[in-house]
C-alpha atoms as a PDB file:
ATOM      1  CA  MET A   1     -63.636 174.797 228.527  1.00  0.00           C
ATOM      2  CA  ASP A   2     -65.371 177.710 229.735  1.00  0.00           C
ATOM      3  CA  ASP A   3     -65.053 181.374 229.606  1.00  0.00           C
ATOM      4  CA  ILE A   4     -62.538 181.387 232.494  1.00  0.00           C
ATOM      5  CA  ASP A   5     -60.328 178.947 230.733  1.00  0.00           C
ATOM      6  CA  VAL A   6     -60.326 181.005 227.756  1.00  0.00           C
ATOM      7  CA  LYS A   7     -59.232 184.224 229.763  1.00  0.00           C
ATOM      8  CA  ILE A   8     -56.390 182.041 231.381  1.00  0.00           C
ATOM      9  CA  LEU A   9     -55.187 180.936 227.742  1.00  0.00           C
ATOM     10  CA  ARG A  10     -55.376 184.423 226.383  1.00  0.00           C
ATOM     11  CA  LEU A  11     -53.463 185.929 229.293  1.00  0.00           C
ATOM     12  CA  LEU A  12     -50.947 183.081 229.014  1.00  0.00           C
ATOM     13  CA  GLN A  13     -50.470 183.669 225.146  1.00  0.00           C
ATOM     14  CA  GLN A  14     -49.836 187.546 225.908  1.00  0.00           C
ATOM     15  CA  ASN A  15     -47.194 186.544 228.657  1.00  0.00           C
ATOM     16  CA  ALA A  16     -46.579 182.730 229.395  1.00  0.00           C
ATOM     17  CA  ARG A  17     -44.457 183.868 232.372  1.00  0.00           C
ATOM     18  CA  LYS A  18     -47.631 185.128 234.226  1.00  0.00           C
ATOM     19  CA  THR A  19     -47.542 183.787 237.770  1.00  0.00           C
ATOM     20  CA  ILE A  20     -50.656 182.063 239.169  1.00  0.00           C
ATOM     21  CA  SER A  21     -50.646 185.037 241.512  1.00  0.00           C
ATOM     22  CA  ASP A  22     -50.972 187.432 238.583  1.00  0.00           C
ATOM     23  CA  LEU A  23     -53.616 185.133 236.878  1.00  0.00           C
ATOM     24  CA  SER A  24     -55.599 184.869 239.964  1.00  0.00           C
ATOM     25  CA  ALA A  25     -55.681 188.727 240.474  1.00  0.00           C
ATOM     26  CA  GLU A  26     -56.509 189.433 236.910  1.00  0.00           C
ATOM     27  CA  ILE A  27     -59.375 186.899 236.581  1.00  0.00           C
ATOM     28  CA  GLY A  28     -60.773 187.577 240.066  1.00  0.00           C
ATOM     29  CA  MET A  29     -60.235 183.818 241.319  1.00  0.00           C
ATOM     30  CA  SER A  30     -58.568 182.229 244.041  1.00  0.00           C
ATOM     31  CA  MET A  31     -54.860 180.847 243.359  1.00  0.00           C
ATOM     32  CA  PRO A  32     -55.836 177.235 243.982  1.00  0.00           C
ATOM     33  CA  ALA A  33     -58.681 177.510 241.649  1.00  0.00           C
ATOM     34  CA  ILE A  34     -56.305 179.049 238.950  1.00  0.00           C
ATOM     35  CA  SER A  35     -53.639 176.480 239.700  1.00  0.00           C
ATOM     36  CA  GLU A  36     -56.351 173.671 239.351  1.00  0.00           C
ATOM     37  CA  ARG A  37     -57.646 174.904 235.900  1.00  0.00           C
ATOM     38  CA  LEU A  38     -54.101 175.281 234.567  1.00  0.00           C
ATOM     39  CA  LYS A  39     -53.118 172.017 235.524  1.00  0.00           C
ATOM     40  CA  LYS A  40     -56.427 170.459 233.756  1.00  0.00           C
ATOM     41  CA  LEU A  41     -55.650 172.394 230.605  1.00  0.00           C
ATOM     42  CA  GLU A  42     -52.040 171.100 230.505  1.00  0.00           C
ATOM     43  CA  ASN A  43     -53.165 167.534 231.216  1.00  0.00           C
ATOM     44  CA  ALA A  44     -55.841 167.821 228.478  1.00  0.00           C
ATOM     45  CA  GLY A  45     -53.210 168.601 226.010  1.00  0.00           C
ATOM     46  CA  VAL A  46     -54.885 172.156 225.456  1.00  0.00           C
ATOM     47  CA  ILE A  47     -51.495 173.729 226.476  1.00  0.00           C
ATOM     48  CA  GLU A  48     -48.970 171.786 224.774  1.00  0.00           C
ATOM     49  CA  LYS A  49     -45.855 173.586 226.185  1.00  0.00           C
ATOM     50  CA  TYR A  50     -44.492 177.014 227.189  1.00  0.00           C
ATOM     51  CA  CYS A  51     -41.961 178.602 224.969  1.00  0.00           C
ATOM     52  CA  ALA A  52     -39.899 181.789 224.321  1.00  0.00           C
ATOM     53  CA  ILE A  53     -40.566 183.235 221.032  1.00  0.00           C
ATOM     54  CA  LEU A  54     -37.334 184.718 219.605  1.00  0.00           C
ATOM     55  CA  ASN A  55     -37.010 187.667 217.385  1.00  0.00           C
ATOM     56  CA  PRO A  56     -35.262 186.395 214.279  1.00  0.00           C
ATOM     57  CA  HIS A  57     -33.800 189.909 213.464  1.00  0.00           C
ATOM     58  CA  LYS A  58     -31.959 190.007 216.891  1.00  0.00           C
ATOM     59  CA  LEU A  59     -30.420 186.466 215.997  1.00  0.00           C
ATOM     60  CA  ASN A  60     -29.388 187.500 212.451  1.00  0.00           C
ATOM     61  CA  LYS A  61     -32.072 185.715 210.767  1.00  0.00           C
ATOM     62  CA  GLU A  62     -33.335 188.459 208.216  1.00  0.00           C
ATOM     63  CA  LEU A  63     -34.712 186.363 205.279  1.00  0.00           C
ATOM     64  CA  ILE A  64     -38.044 184.471 205.308  1.00  0.00           C
ATOM     65  CA  ALA A  65     -39.021 182.071 202.414  1.00  0.00           C
ATOM     66  CA  LEU A  66     -41.603 179.785 201.418  1.00  0.00           C
ATOM     67  CA  MET A  67     -40.919 176.915 199.505  1.00  0.00           C
ATOM     68  CA  PHE A  68     -43.285 174.304 197.893  1.00  0.00           C
ATOM     69  CA  VAL A  69     -41.876 170.768 197.225  1.00  0.00           C
ATOM     70  CA  GLY A  70     -42.959 168.129 195.018  1.00  0.00           C
ATOM     71  CA  LEU A  71     -41.780 164.481 195.267  1.00  0.00           C
ATOM     72  CA  GLU A  72     -41.393 162.065 192.499  1.00  0.00           C
ATOM     73  CA  SER A  73     -43.273 159.388 194.554  1.00  0.00           C
ATOM     74  CA  PRO A  74     -44.895 159.336 198.099  1.00  0.00           C
ATOM     75  CA  ARG A  75     -42.446 156.676 198.890  1.00  0.00           C
ATOM     76  CA  TYR A  76     -40.073 159.444 199.427  1.00  0.00           C
ATOM     77  CA  SER A  77     -41.980 161.302 202.017  1.00  0.00           C
ATOM     78  CA  ASP A  78     -40.567 159.549 205.165  1.00  0.00           C
ATOM     79  CA  SER A  79     -37.047 160.221 203.966  1.00  0.00           C
ATOM     80  CA  PHE A  80     -37.969 163.962 203.332  1.00  0.00           C
ATOM     81  CA  THR A  81     -39.670 164.683 206.528  1.00  0.00           C
ATOM     82  CA  ASP A  82     -36.619 163.116 208.312  1.00  0.00           C
ATOM     83  CA  PHE A  83     -34.392 165.433 206.330  1.00  0.00           C
ATOM     84  CA  VAL A  84     -36.498 168.493 207.091  1.00  0.00           C
ATOM     85  CA  LYS A  85     -36.670 167.775 210.858  1.00  0.00           C
ATOM     86  CA  GLY A  86     -32.872 168.166 211.012  1.00  0.00           C
ATOM     87  CA  GLU A  87     -32.654 171.682 209.242  1.00  0.00           C
ATOM     88  CA  PRO A  88     -32.733 174.478 211.825  1.00  0.00           C
ATOM     89  CA  ASP A  89     -33.825 177.049 209.434  1.00  0.00           C
ATOM     90  CA  ILE A  90     -37.050 175.293 208.305  1.00  0.00           C
ATOM     91  CA  GLN A  91     -39.396 176.421 210.714  1.00  0.00           C
ATOM     92  CA  GLU A  92     -42.531 174.621 209.396  1.00  0.00           C
ATOM     93  CA  CYS A  93     -43.236 171.756 207.095  1.00  0.00           C
ATOM     94  CA  LEU A  94     -46.784 171.098 205.942  1.00  0.00           C
ATOM     95  CA  TYR A  95     -47.842 168.094 204.115  1.00  0.00           C
ATOM     96  CA  ILE A  96     -50.413 169.654 201.605  1.00  0.00           C
ATOM     97  CA  THR A  97     -52.756 168.857 198.630  1.00  0.00           C
ATOM     98  CA  GLY A  98     -52.520 170.254 195.175  1.00  0.00           C
ATOM     99  CA  ASP A  99     -49.485 170.635 192.819  1.00  0.00           C
ATOM    100  CA  PHE A 100     -46.833 170.155 195.445  1.00  0.00           C
ATOM    101  CA  ASP A 101     -46.624 167.654 198.557  1.00  0.00           C
ATOM    102  CA  PHE A 102     -45.156 169.899 201.007  1.00  0.00           C
ATOM    103  CA  SER A 103     -44.932 173.438 201.972  1.00  0.00           C
ATOM    104  CA  LEU A 104     -41.800 174.877 203.926  1.00  0.00           C
ATOM    105  CA  LYS A 105     -41.479 178.196 205.846  1.00  0.00           C
ATOM    106  CA  ILE A 106     -37.735 178.807 205.870  1.00  0.00           C
ATOM    107  CA  ILE A 107     -36.106 181.653 208.267  1.00  0.00           C
ATOM    108  CA  THR A 108     -32.482 182.173 207.642  1.00  0.00           C
ATOM    109  CA  GLN A 109     -29.757 184.828 207.618  1.00  0.00           C
ATOM    110  CA  ASN A 110     -29.680 185.949 203.847  1.00  0.00           C
ATOM    111  CA  THR A 111     -29.999 184.903 200.376  1.00  0.00           C
ATOM    112  CA  GLN A 112     -26.548 183.064 200.362  1.00  0.00           C
ATOM    113  CA  THR A 113     -27.663 180.749 203.331  1.00  0.00           C
ATOM    114  CA  LEU A 114     -30.977 180.270 201.444  1.00  0.00           C
ATOM    115  CA  GLU A 115     -29.273 179.100 198.483  1.00  0.00           C
ATOM    116  CA  VAL A 116     -27.205 176.633 200.198  1.00  0.00           C
ATOM    117  CA  LEU A 117     -30.119 175.342 202.047  1.00  0.00           C
ATOM    118  CA  LEU A 118     -32.398 175.270 198.615  1.00  0.00           C
ATOM    119  CA  ASN A 119     -29.485 173.377 196.958  1.00  0.00           C
ATOM    120  CA  LYS A 120     -29.470 170.677 199.851  1.00  0.00           C
ATOM    121  CA  ILE A 121     -33.295 170.342 199.351  1.00  0.00           C
ATOM    122  CA  LYS A 122     -33.049 170.094 195.536  1.00  0.00           C
ATOM    123  CA  ALA A 123     -30.373 167.429 195.872  1.00  0.00           C
ATOM    124  CA  HIS A 124     -32.281 165.436 198.196  1.00  0.00           C
ATOM    125  CA  HIS A 125     -33.134 162.063 196.589  1.00  0.00           C
ATOM    126  CA  GLY A 126     -36.787 161.932 195.447  1.00  0.00           C
ATOM    127  CA  ILE A 127     -37.266 165.685 194.870  1.00  0.00           C
ATOM    128  CA  ALA A 128     -39.166 166.318 191.609  1.00  0.00           C
ATOM    129  CA  ARG A 129     -39.822 170.119 191.629  1.00  0.00           C
ATOM    130  CA  THR A 130     -39.789 173.192 193.819  1.00  0.00           C
ATOM    131  CA  LYS A 131     -41.224 176.657 193.908  1.00  0.00           C
ATOM    132  CA  THR A 132     -39.631 179.156 196.221  1.00  0.00           C
ATOM    133  CA  THR A 133     -41.001 182.689 197.250  1.00  0.00           C
ATOM    134  CA  VAL A 134     -39.074 185.114 199.342  1.00  0.00           C
ATOM    135  CA  ALA A 135     -41.265 187.289 201.687  1.00  0.00           C
ATOM    136  CA  LEU A 136     -40.835 190.975 201.614  1.00  0.00           C
ATOM    137  CA  SER A 137     -42.323 191.599 205.129  1.00  0.00           C
ATOM    138  CA  VAL A 138     -44.296 189.939 207.685  1.00  0.00           C
ATOM    139  CA  VAL A 139     -47.912 191.598 208.051  1.00  0.00           C
ATOM    140  CA  THR A 140     -49.110 189.351 210.971  1.00  0.00           C
ATOM    141  CA  SER A 141     -47.541 186.239 212.659  1.00  0.00           C
ATOM    142  CA  GLN A 142     -49.813 184.398 215.400  1.00  0.00           C
ATOM    143  CA  PRO A 143     -47.522 181.700 217.131  1.00  0.00           C
ATOM    144  CA  SER A 144     -50.515 179.950 218.388  1.00  0.00           C
ATOM    145  CA  ILE A 145     -54.228 179.878 217.608  1.00  0.00           C
ATOM    146  CA  GLN A 146     -56.759 181.790 219.370  1.00  0.00           C
ATOM    147  CA  PRO A 147     -59.057 179.911 222.011  1.00  0.00           C
ATOM    148  CA  ASP A 148     -62.745 180.485 221.438  1.00  0.00           C
END
């Protein structure tokens, strides 16, 4: 990956709907050259997918919480990860080190919907302990890493 690839990636991170024509004009290369580079970035897996980033507030998702989950035993990991993949309000699930096994980022409507989800999680087989923190505001949120 060179500086031109990085420029392409940064422009697409600002607006993934930029056309090859727009990228070509902004970078100063021909459309076929930009198109070829874009296909190489996609084929190499550098660009995993294109997606729309939705505003949670516009969709009545006003509450963000972080939950740490400790399992009784690692044998419950597969069951738990299958469970969280089926919960639409769980945005991220990270397998972590330390006092807990998993970290969850939850975005939901309000405290009532959070309570329902937390009770579901706590009732899931193999859960030993949890710790939940509610976010007051979002200082920064990067939907993707920055290319170097």
